[in-house]
Amino acid sequence: MPATKKPETKLGLTRRARRMVRVLAEGYPDAHCELDFTTPLELVVAVILSAQCTDKKVNEVTPALFAKYPTAADYAGADRTELEEMLRPTGFFRNKATSLLGLGAALVEQHDGVVPGNMEELVKLPGVGRKTANVVLGNAFDVPGITVDTHFGRLVRRWGWTELEDAVKVEHAIGELIEKRDWTMASHWIVFHGRRVCHAKTPACGACLLMKDCPSYGLGPEDPDKAAKLVKGDEKPHLIELAERVRAGDKLVG
């Protein structure tokens, strides 16, 4: 009879998760927030607009939006009809307009028009939940935060880091596994990997730099050539090269 595989210990899981994070850092050295912004206010607005919308579409809408409404007071005093029309391409534009009008008013009335740099105050703002707050904290204020979006949750469950579904519980569970200093960048690395290699329906398993540590290896094609065709993004040649090194026995990181 084949040997029964021992359950992974918490220490073993922690070591594996941290090793995978280091490998992802090697694969995506240029990972970043894919929403364009220059100020904390712009980032809050962009994240609110990204709900049920692609980052690419949001980035097409925000230049004109940011130019017309550069301050919280501008959103607070915006004409709803004009604002809704500008937001229309992002979908759910009426709800999003309501959030931005409320956001502007709350910032003016409670924070002198300035976006607060802490979780407690951020989540009190209209349209801002923990996910949005973590994006803003990590990318506008350099405060470590784990952003649990669709890709992040899907991948950490696929990797066996957690079985939890609730976003807040996932955030805390993963926060216990990886080092705090890596929280923000790990969020980017994982999202980048989910968009480029570890696709929801057919992951590019045979071209994945995490193949040695992934318990779900084999969900997608293991053949390197078939898998390579599934890899997306400008990083494709780099990612395929790293996957070939892993297959050859190179650990990439210590």
Protein backbone atom coordinates (compact mmCIF):
# COMPACT_ATOMS: atom_id res chain seq x y z
CA MET A 1 0.00 0.00 0.00
CA PRO A 2 1.20 3.54 -0.75
CA ALA A 3 2.27 5.57 2.26
CA THR A 4 -0.39 7.89 3.61
CA LYS A 5 0.68 11.50 3.25
CA LYS A 6 0.99 13.18 6.62
CA PRO A 7 -1.19 16.25 7.24
CA GLU A 8 0.73 19.49 6.90
CA THR A 9 1.64 21.05 10.24
CA LYS A 10 1.13 24.75 10.96
CA LEU A 11 4.90 25.19 10.91
CA GLY A 12 5.15 23.34 7.64
CA LEU A 13 2.39 25.46 6.11
CA THR A 14 4.04 28.66 7.31
CA ARG A 15 7.37 27.66 5.81
CA ARG A 16 5.75 26.65 2.52
CA ALA A 17 3.71 29.86 2.30
CA ARG A 18 6.74 32.03 2.98
CA ARG A 19 8.80 30.09 0.46
CA MET A 20 6.07 30.58 -2.16
CA VAL A 21 5.97 34.29 -1.41
CA ARG A 22 9.72 34.54 -1.98
CA VAL A 23 9.39 32.70 -5.29
CA LEU A 24 6.56 35.00 -6.37
CA ALA A 25 8.77 37.99 -5.57
CA GLU A 26 11.34 36.52 -7.95
CA GLY A 27 8.68 36.09 -10.61
CA TYR A 28 7.07 39.50 -10.32
CA PRO A 29 9.73 42.06 -9.31
CA ASP A 30 7.68 44.85 -10.88
CA ALA A 31 4.34 43.95 -9.28
CA HIS A 32 2.37 46.98 -8.18
CA CYS A 33 -1.11 48.37 -7.72
CA GLU A 34 -2.54 48.35 -11.24
CA LEU A 35 -4.85 51.28 -10.56
CA ASP A 36 -3.34 54.62 -11.59
CA PHE A 37 -3.21 57.29 -8.87
CA THR A 38 -1.01 60.07 -7.49
CA THR A 39 -2.72 60.86 -4.15
CA PRO A 40 -4.52 58.88 -1.42
CA LEU A 41 -7.83 60.44 -2.51
CA GLU A 42 -7.33 59.31 -6.09
CA LEU A 43 -6.56 55.80 -4.92
CA VAL A 44 -9.66 55.59 -2.71
CA VAL A 45 -11.80 56.75 -5.62
CA ALA A 46 -10.15 54.33 -8.07
CA VAL A 47 -10.65 51.36 -5.75
CA ILE A 48 -14.31 52.24 -5.24
CA LEU A 49 -14.75 52.36 -9.02
CA SER A 50 -12.94 49.02 -9.47
CA ALA A 51 -15.84 47.07 -7.92
CA GLN A 52 -17.24 44.79 -10.65
CA CYS A 53 -14.97 46.55 -13.14
CA THR A 54 -11.50 45.94 -14.58
CA ASP A 55 -8.54 48.04 -13.52
CA LYS A 56 -7.96 48.84 -17.20
CA LYS A 57 -11.42 50.37 -17.58
CA VAL A 58 -11.06 52.32 -14.33
CA ASN A 59 -7.75 53.74 -15.58
CA GLU A 60 -9.49 54.89 -18.74
CA VAL A 61 -12.10 56.80 -16.74
CA THR A 62 -10.06 58.31 -13.91
CA PRO A 63 -7.83 60.84 -15.74
CA ALA A 64 -10.82 63.01 -16.67
CA LEU A 65 -12.49 62.31 -13.32
CA PHE A 66 -9.43 63.30 -11.29
CA ALA A 67 -8.99 66.44 -13.37
CA LYS A 68 -12.60 67.52 -12.77
CA TYR A 69 -12.69 66.54 -9.08
CA PRO A 70 -9.20 67.03 -7.59
CA THR A 71 -10.34 67.47 -3.98
CA ALA A 72 -12.77 65.92 -1.52
CA ALA A 73 -14.78 69.15 -1.60
CA ASP A 74 -15.17 68.78 -5.36
CA TYR A 75 -16.77 65.35 -4.91
CA ALA A 76 -18.94 66.63 -2.07
CA GLY A 77 -20.28 69.41 -4.28
CA ALA A 78 -20.47 67.47 -7.54
CA ASP A 79 -23.55 67.49 -9.72
CA ARG A 80 -24.88 63.93 -9.47
CA THR A 81 -25.97 63.73 -13.11
CA GLU A 82 -22.56 64.83 -14.39
CA LEU A 83 -20.74 62.52 -11.99
CA GLU A 84 -22.88 59.53 -12.91
CA GLU A 85 -22.25 60.13 -16.60
CA MET A 86 -18.50 60.10 -16.05
CA LEU A 87 -18.75 56.89 -14.02
CA ARG A 88 -21.13 55.11 -16.40
CA PRO A 89 -18.40 53.05 -18.18
CA THR A 90 -17.39 51.44 -14.87
CA GLY A 91 -20.83 49.94 -14.22
CA PHE A 92 -23.08 50.35 -11.19
CA PHE A 93 -22.47 54.06 -11.74
CA ARG A 94 -25.39 55.28 -9.62
CA ASN A 95 -24.20 53.40 -6.54
CA LYS A 96 -20.64 54.51 -7.18
CA ALA A 97 -21.72 58.12 -7.56
CA THR A 98 -23.54 57.89 -4.24
CA SER A 99 -20.36 56.53 -2.63
CA LEU A 100 -18.17 59.29 -4.06
CA LEU A 101 -20.61 62.05 -3.06
CA GLY A 102 -20.76 60.61 0.44
CA LEU A 103 -16.99 60.08 0.55
CA GLY A 104 -16.31 63.68 -0.35
CA ALA A 105 -18.78 65.00 2.22
CA ALA A 106 -17.42 62.75 5.00
CA LEU A 107 -13.82 63.72 4.29
CA VAL A 108 -14.68 67.42 4.33
CA GLU A 109 -16.82 67.26 7.45
CA GLN A 110 -14.72 64.84 9.50
CA HIS A 111 -11.15 65.01 8.20
CA ASP A 112 -10.66 68.50 6.72
CA GLY A 113 -10.74 66.97 3.26
CA VAL A 114 -7.78 64.66 3.92
CA VAL A 115 -7.90 60.88 3.58
CA PRO A 116 -7.04 59.33 6.98
CA GLY A 117 -4.12 56.92 7.15
CA ASN A 118 -5.54 54.32 9.52
CA MET A 119 -7.94 51.40 9.20
CA GLU A 120 -10.33 52.54 11.94
CA GLU A 121 -11.17 55.83 10.23
CA LEU A 122 -10.98 54.59 6.65
CA VAL A 123 -13.65 51.90 7.07
CA LYS A 124 -16.09 54.52 8.40
CA LEU A 125 -16.04 56.34 5.06
CA PRO A 126 -18.86 55.73 2.53
CA GLY A 127 -17.92 53.06 0.00
CA VAL A 128 -14.82 51.97 1.92
CA GLY A 129 -14.53 48.47 3.39
CA ARG A 130 -11.49 46.59 4.67
CA LYS A 131 -10.39 45.61 1.16
CA THR A 132 -10.35 49.22 -0.03
CA ALA A 133 -8.76 50.38 3.20
CA ASN A 134 -5.94 47.83 2.91
CA VAL A 135 -5.23 48.88 -0.67
CA VAL A 136 -5.05 52.53 0.40
CA LEU A 137 -2.97 51.85 3.51
CA GLY A 138 -0.49 49.65 1.70
CA ASN A 139 -0.07 51.69 -1.46
CA ALA A 140 -0.63 55.29 -0.37
CA PHE A 141 0.63 55.23 3.22
CA ASP A 142 3.13 52.32 3.26
CA VAL A 143 1.19 50.64 6.07
CA PRO A 144 1.28 46.83 5.53
CA GLY A 145 -2.09 45.43 4.52
CA ILE A 146 -3.44 42.26 2.90
CA THR A 147 -5.94 42.87 0.12
CA VAL A 148 -8.31 39.93 -0.31
CA ASP A 149 -9.84 40.27 -3.77
CA THR A 150 -11.23 37.50 -5.97
CA HIS A 151 -7.83 36.39 -7.26
CA PHE A 152 -6.20 36.46 -3.83
CA GLY A 153 -8.90 34.39 -2.16
CA ARG A 154 -9.02 31.90 -5.02
CA LEU A 155 -5.27 31.31 -5.04
CA VAL A 156 -4.66 31.00 -1.30
CA ARG A 157 -7.43 28.40 -1.10
CA ARG A 158 -6.07 26.58 -4.15
CA TRP A 159 -2.65 26.53 -2.50
CA GLY A 160 -4.07 25.15 0.74
CA TRP A 161 -3.08 28.17 2.78
CA THR A 162 -6.63 28.36 4.12
CA GLU A 163 -10.07 26.88 3.50
CA LEU A 164 -11.85 30.01 4.72
CA GLU A 165 -14.18 31.94 2.40
CA ASP A 166 -14.95 35.09 4.40
CA ALA A 167 -12.59 37.84 3.21
CA VAL A 168 -11.84 39.24 6.66
CA LYS A 169 -11.10 35.78 8.06
CA VAL A 170 -8.89 35.03 5.06
CA GLU A 171 -7.03 38.29 5.63
CA HIS A 172 -6.27 37.41 9.23
CA ALA A 173 -5.39 33.79 8.45
CA ILE A 174 -2.88 34.73 5.76
CA GLY A 175 -1.54 37.51 7.96
CA GLU A 176 -0.50 34.84 10.44
CA LEU A 177 1.35 32.87 7.77
CA ILE A 178 3.45 35.49 6.03
CA GLU A 179 5.61 38.22 7.46
CA LYS A 180 3.94 41.57 8.03
CA ARG A 181 6.53 43.41 6.00
CA ASP A 182 5.40 41.36 2.96
CA TRP A 183 1.64 41.85 3.33
CA THR A 184 1.22 44.61 0.76
CA MET A 185 3.58 43.23 -1.86
CA ALA A 186 2.39 39.65 -1.36
CA SER A 187 -1.10 40.89 -2.22
CA HIS A 188 0.28 42.26 -5.51
CA TRP A 189 2.39 39.20 -6.27
CA ILE A 190 -0.54 36.86 -5.74
CA VAL A 191 -2.94 38.95 -7.83
CA PHE A 192 -0.37 39.20 -10.63
CA HIS A 193 0.07 35.42 -10.55
CA GLY A 194 -3.67 34.85 -10.62
CA ARG A 195 -4.08 37.06 -13.66
CA ARG A 196 -1.11 35.71 -15.58
CA VAL A 197 -0.61 32.04 -14.69
CA CYS A 198 -2.97 30.56 -12.10
CA HIS A 199 -6.20 31.14 -14.02
CA ALA A 200 -9.53 30.17 -12.49
CA LYS A 201 -10.61 27.60 -15.08
CA THR A 202 -7.37 26.34 -16.59
CA PRO A 203 -4.20 27.24 -14.72
CA ALA A 204 -0.88 27.03 -16.57
CA CYS A 205 0.48 24.38 -14.20
CA GLY A 206 3.32 23.19 -16.44
CA ALA A 207 4.63 26.75 -16.74
CA CYS A 208 4.22 27.72 -13.09
CA LEU A 209 7.18 28.69 -10.93
CA LEU A 210 5.26 27.39 -7.87
CA MET A 211 4.78 23.86 -9.23
CA LYS A 212 6.93 22.23 -6.53
CA ASP A 213 4.97 23.74 -3.63
CA CYS A 214 1.43 23.78 -5.02
CA PRO A 215 -0.90 21.01 -3.78
CA SER A 216 -3.20 21.70 -6.73
CA TYR A 217 -0.55 21.12 -9.39
CA GLY A 218 -2.18 19.25 -12.24
CA LEU A 219 -5.47 21.13 -12.34
CA GLY A 220 -4.24 22.54 -15.63
CA PRO A 221 -1.98 21.07 -18.33
CA GLU A 222 1.37 19.84 -17.01
CA ASP A 223 2.97 19.76 -20.44
CA PRO A 224 5.32 22.79 -20.55
CA ASP A 225 4.48 23.78 -24.11
CA LYS A 226 0.71 23.53 -23.63
CA ALA A 227 0.94 25.40 -20.33
CA ALA A 228 3.15 28.13 -21.78
CA LYS A 229 0.41 29.07 -24.23
CA LEU A 230 -1.85 29.92 -21.28
CA VAL A 231 0.57 32.36 -19.64
CA LYS A 232 -0.38 36.01 -20.08
CA GLY A 233 1.29 39.36 -19.60
CA ASP A 234 4.58 41.08 -20.41
CA GLU A 235 6.33 38.86 -17.85
CA LYS A 236 5.62 35.72 -19.89
CA PRO A 237 9.21 34.99 -21.08
CA HIS A 238 10.58 35.59 -17.58
CA LEU A 239 7.94 33.38 -15.95
CA ILE A 240 8.44 30.54 -18.40
CA GLU A 241 12.21 30.68 -17.88
CA LEU A 242 11.78 30.47 -14.10
CA ALA A 243 9.36 27.56 -14.45
CA GLU A 244 11.92 25.71 -16.57
CA ARG A 245 14.54 26.28 -13.87
CA VAL A 246 12.17 24.94 -11.19
CA ARG A 247 11.46 21.86 -13.29
CA ALA A 248 15.21 21.31 -13.64
CA GLY A 249 15.59 21.36 -9.85
CA ASP A 250 16.55 24.98 -9.21
CA LYS A 251 14.92 26.17 -5.98
CA LEU A 252 15.13 29.85 -7.09
CA VAL A 253 15.30 30.97 -3.45
CA GLY A 254 16.84 29.57 -0.31
